[in-house]
C-alpha cells in the first residue's frame, strides 16, 4: 500500500510527462521552414511587411525607396543584421514557419542589440 506522498509524486510525474509530450507535438519546432518566396502563405505575410528577398537588388531596381533619414545605411538593414533573424535556420520571428534570405529586408527590421 502506498501513502499519500507517493501517490502525489507519481501523479505529478505522469501529468508533467503528459504536458511535455503535448508541448512538443503541438509546436512547430519540428516542422521544416518554408522559403518565403516559394510558399503562398509566407509570401502573403512577407508582402504585408514590405519584405524584399534581396535588399541590394531591390534598391538598385528602385523597388523600394531610400529613406530621407540622415545617416541611414540601407545596405546594413539586411535580415542577417536583424534581431528577429535566426542564423542557424534562416528563420524570422516575425514570419513564423518561413525561411528568409539573409540578404533580404522588411519594414520591421530592427538592429541587433549589442
Protein backbone atom coordinates (compact mmCIF):
# COMPACT_ATOMS: atom_id res chain seq x y z
CA UNK A 1 0.00 0.00 0.00
CA UNK A 2 1.37 3.42 -0.94
CA UNK A 3 0.98 6.50 1.12
CA UNK A 4 -0.41 9.82 0.00
CA UNK A 5 3.03 11.30 -0.67
CA UNK A 6 3.99 8.51 -3.10
CA UNK A 7 0.65 8.82 -4.85
CA UNK A 8 1.12 12.55 -5.47
CA UNK A 9 4.73 12.07 -6.65
CA UNK A 10 3.56 9.55 -9.25
CA UNK A 11 0.58 11.69 -10.26
CA UNK A 12 2.73 14.79 -10.79
CA UNK A 13 5.28 12.79 -12.79
CA UNK A 14 2.59 11.46 -15.12
CA UNK A 15 0.94 14.88 -15.56
CA UNK A 16 4.32 16.56 -16.14
CA UNK A 17 5.32 13.99 -18.76
CA UNK A 18 1.97 14.44 -20.50
CA UNK A 19 2.43 18.21 -20.60
CA UNK A 20 5.89 17.86 -22.15
CA UNK A 21 4.59 15.49 -24.82
CA UNK A 22 1.76 17.93 -25.64
CA UNK A 23 4.21 20.81 -25.88
CA UNK A 24 6.40 19.09 -28.46
CA UNK A 25 3.62 17.58 -30.53
CA UNK A 26 1.73 20.87 -30.85
CA UNK A 27 4.74 23.11 -31.52
CA UNK A 28 6.24 23.97 -34.89
CA UNK A 29 9.72 23.27 -33.57
CA UNK A 30 9.95 20.08 -35.63
CA UNK A 31 8.38 21.48 -38.79
CA UNK A 32 10.58 22.42 -41.74
CA UNK A 33 10.70 26.10 -42.61
CA UNK A 34 9.18 27.12 -45.95
CA UNK A 35 11.10 29.56 -48.19
CA UNK A 36 9.30 32.91 -48.14
CA UNK A 37 9.16 33.44 -51.89
CA UNK A 38 8.07 29.85 -52.69
CA UNK A 39 5.20 29.41 -50.22
CA UNK A 40 1.94 31.30 -50.83
CA UNK A 41 1.15 31.89 -47.16
CA UNK A 42 4.69 33.04 -46.33
CA UNK A 43 4.74 35.24 -49.43
CA UNK A 44 1.46 36.93 -48.42
CA UNK A 45 2.72 37.62 -44.90
CA UNK A 46 6.03 38.91 -46.24
CA UNK A 47 4.28 41.24 -48.69
CA UNK A 48 2.41 42.80 -45.77
CA UNK A 49 5.76 43.59 -44.16
CA UNK A 50 7.26 45.01 -47.34
CA UNK A 51 9.76 42.13 -47.49
CA UNK A 52 12.25 42.01 -50.36
CA UNK A 53 14.31 38.88 -50.98
CA UNK A 54 17.46 40.82 -51.92
CA UNK A 55 17.88 44.31 -50.47
CA UNK A 56 20.73 45.45 -52.73
CA UNK A 57 18.87 44.36 -55.86
CA UNK A 58 15.62 45.99 -54.70
CA UNK A 59 17.40 49.30 -54.08
CA UNK A 60 19.12 49.10 -57.46
CA UNK A 61 15.83 48.39 -59.27
CA UNK A 62 14.12 51.11 -57.19
CA UNK A 63 11.52 48.67 -55.87
CA UNK A 64 11.99 50.40 -52.53
CA UNK A 65 12.93 53.99 -51.84
CA UNK A 66 15.85 55.16 -49.78
CA UNK A 67 14.84 56.92 -46.60
CA UNK A 68 15.30 60.63 -46.11
CA UNK A 69 16.61 59.96 -42.59
CA UNK A 70 20.13 61.27 -42.02
CA UNK A 71 22.86 58.61 -41.70
CA UNK A 72 20.50 55.87 -42.95
CA UNK A 73 22.57 52.93 -44.15
CA UNK A 74 20.17 50.80 -46.15
CA UNK A 75 22.62 48.04 -47.01
CA UNK A 76 23.16 47.35 -43.28
CA UNK A 77 19.45 46.68 -42.82
CA UNK A 78 19.51 43.08 -44.04
CA UNK A 79 17.82 40.15 -42.32
CA UNK A 80 21.21 38.82 -41.24
CA UNK A 81 21.70 42.00 -39.12
CA UNK A 82 18.17 41.98 -37.66
CA UNK A 83 17.37 40.97 -34.10
CA UNK A 84 14.46 38.80 -35.32
CA UNK A 85 16.67 36.68 -37.62
CA UNK A 86 17.63 33.11 -36.65
CA UNK A 87 21.07 32.48 -38.13
CA UNK A 88 21.03 28.70 -37.67
CA UNK A 89 17.99 28.11 -39.89
CA UNK A 90 17.29 31.46 -41.65
CA UNK A 91 14.11 31.80 -39.59
CA UNK A 92 12.37 35.05 -38.74
CA UNK A 93 10.39 35.62 -35.55
CA UNK A 94 8.02 37.94 -37.41
CA UNK A 95 7.38 35.36 -40.15
CA UNK A 96 6.95 32.14 -38.16
CA UNK A 97 7.44 28.97 -40.17
CA UNK A 98 9.13 30.83 -43.02
CA UNK A 99 12.79 30.86 -44.04
CA UNK A 100 14.05 34.27 -45.16
CA UNK A 101 17.01 35.25 -47.30
CA UNK A 102 19.88 36.60 -45.14
CA UNK A 103 20.26 39.40 -47.75
CA UNK A 104 16.56 40.29 -47.61
CA UNK A 105 14.91 43.04 -45.59
CA UNK A 106 11.49 44.25 -44.44
CA UNK A 107 9.81 47.25 -42.82
CA UNK A 108 10.09 45.63 -39.36
CA UNK A 109 13.89 45.46 -39.44
CA UNK A 110 15.38 46.13 -36.01
CA UNK A 111 19.11 46.16 -35.38
CA UNK A 112 20.65 43.59 -33.05
CA UNK A 113 21.29 44.79 -29.53
CA UNK A 114 24.94 44.60 -28.51
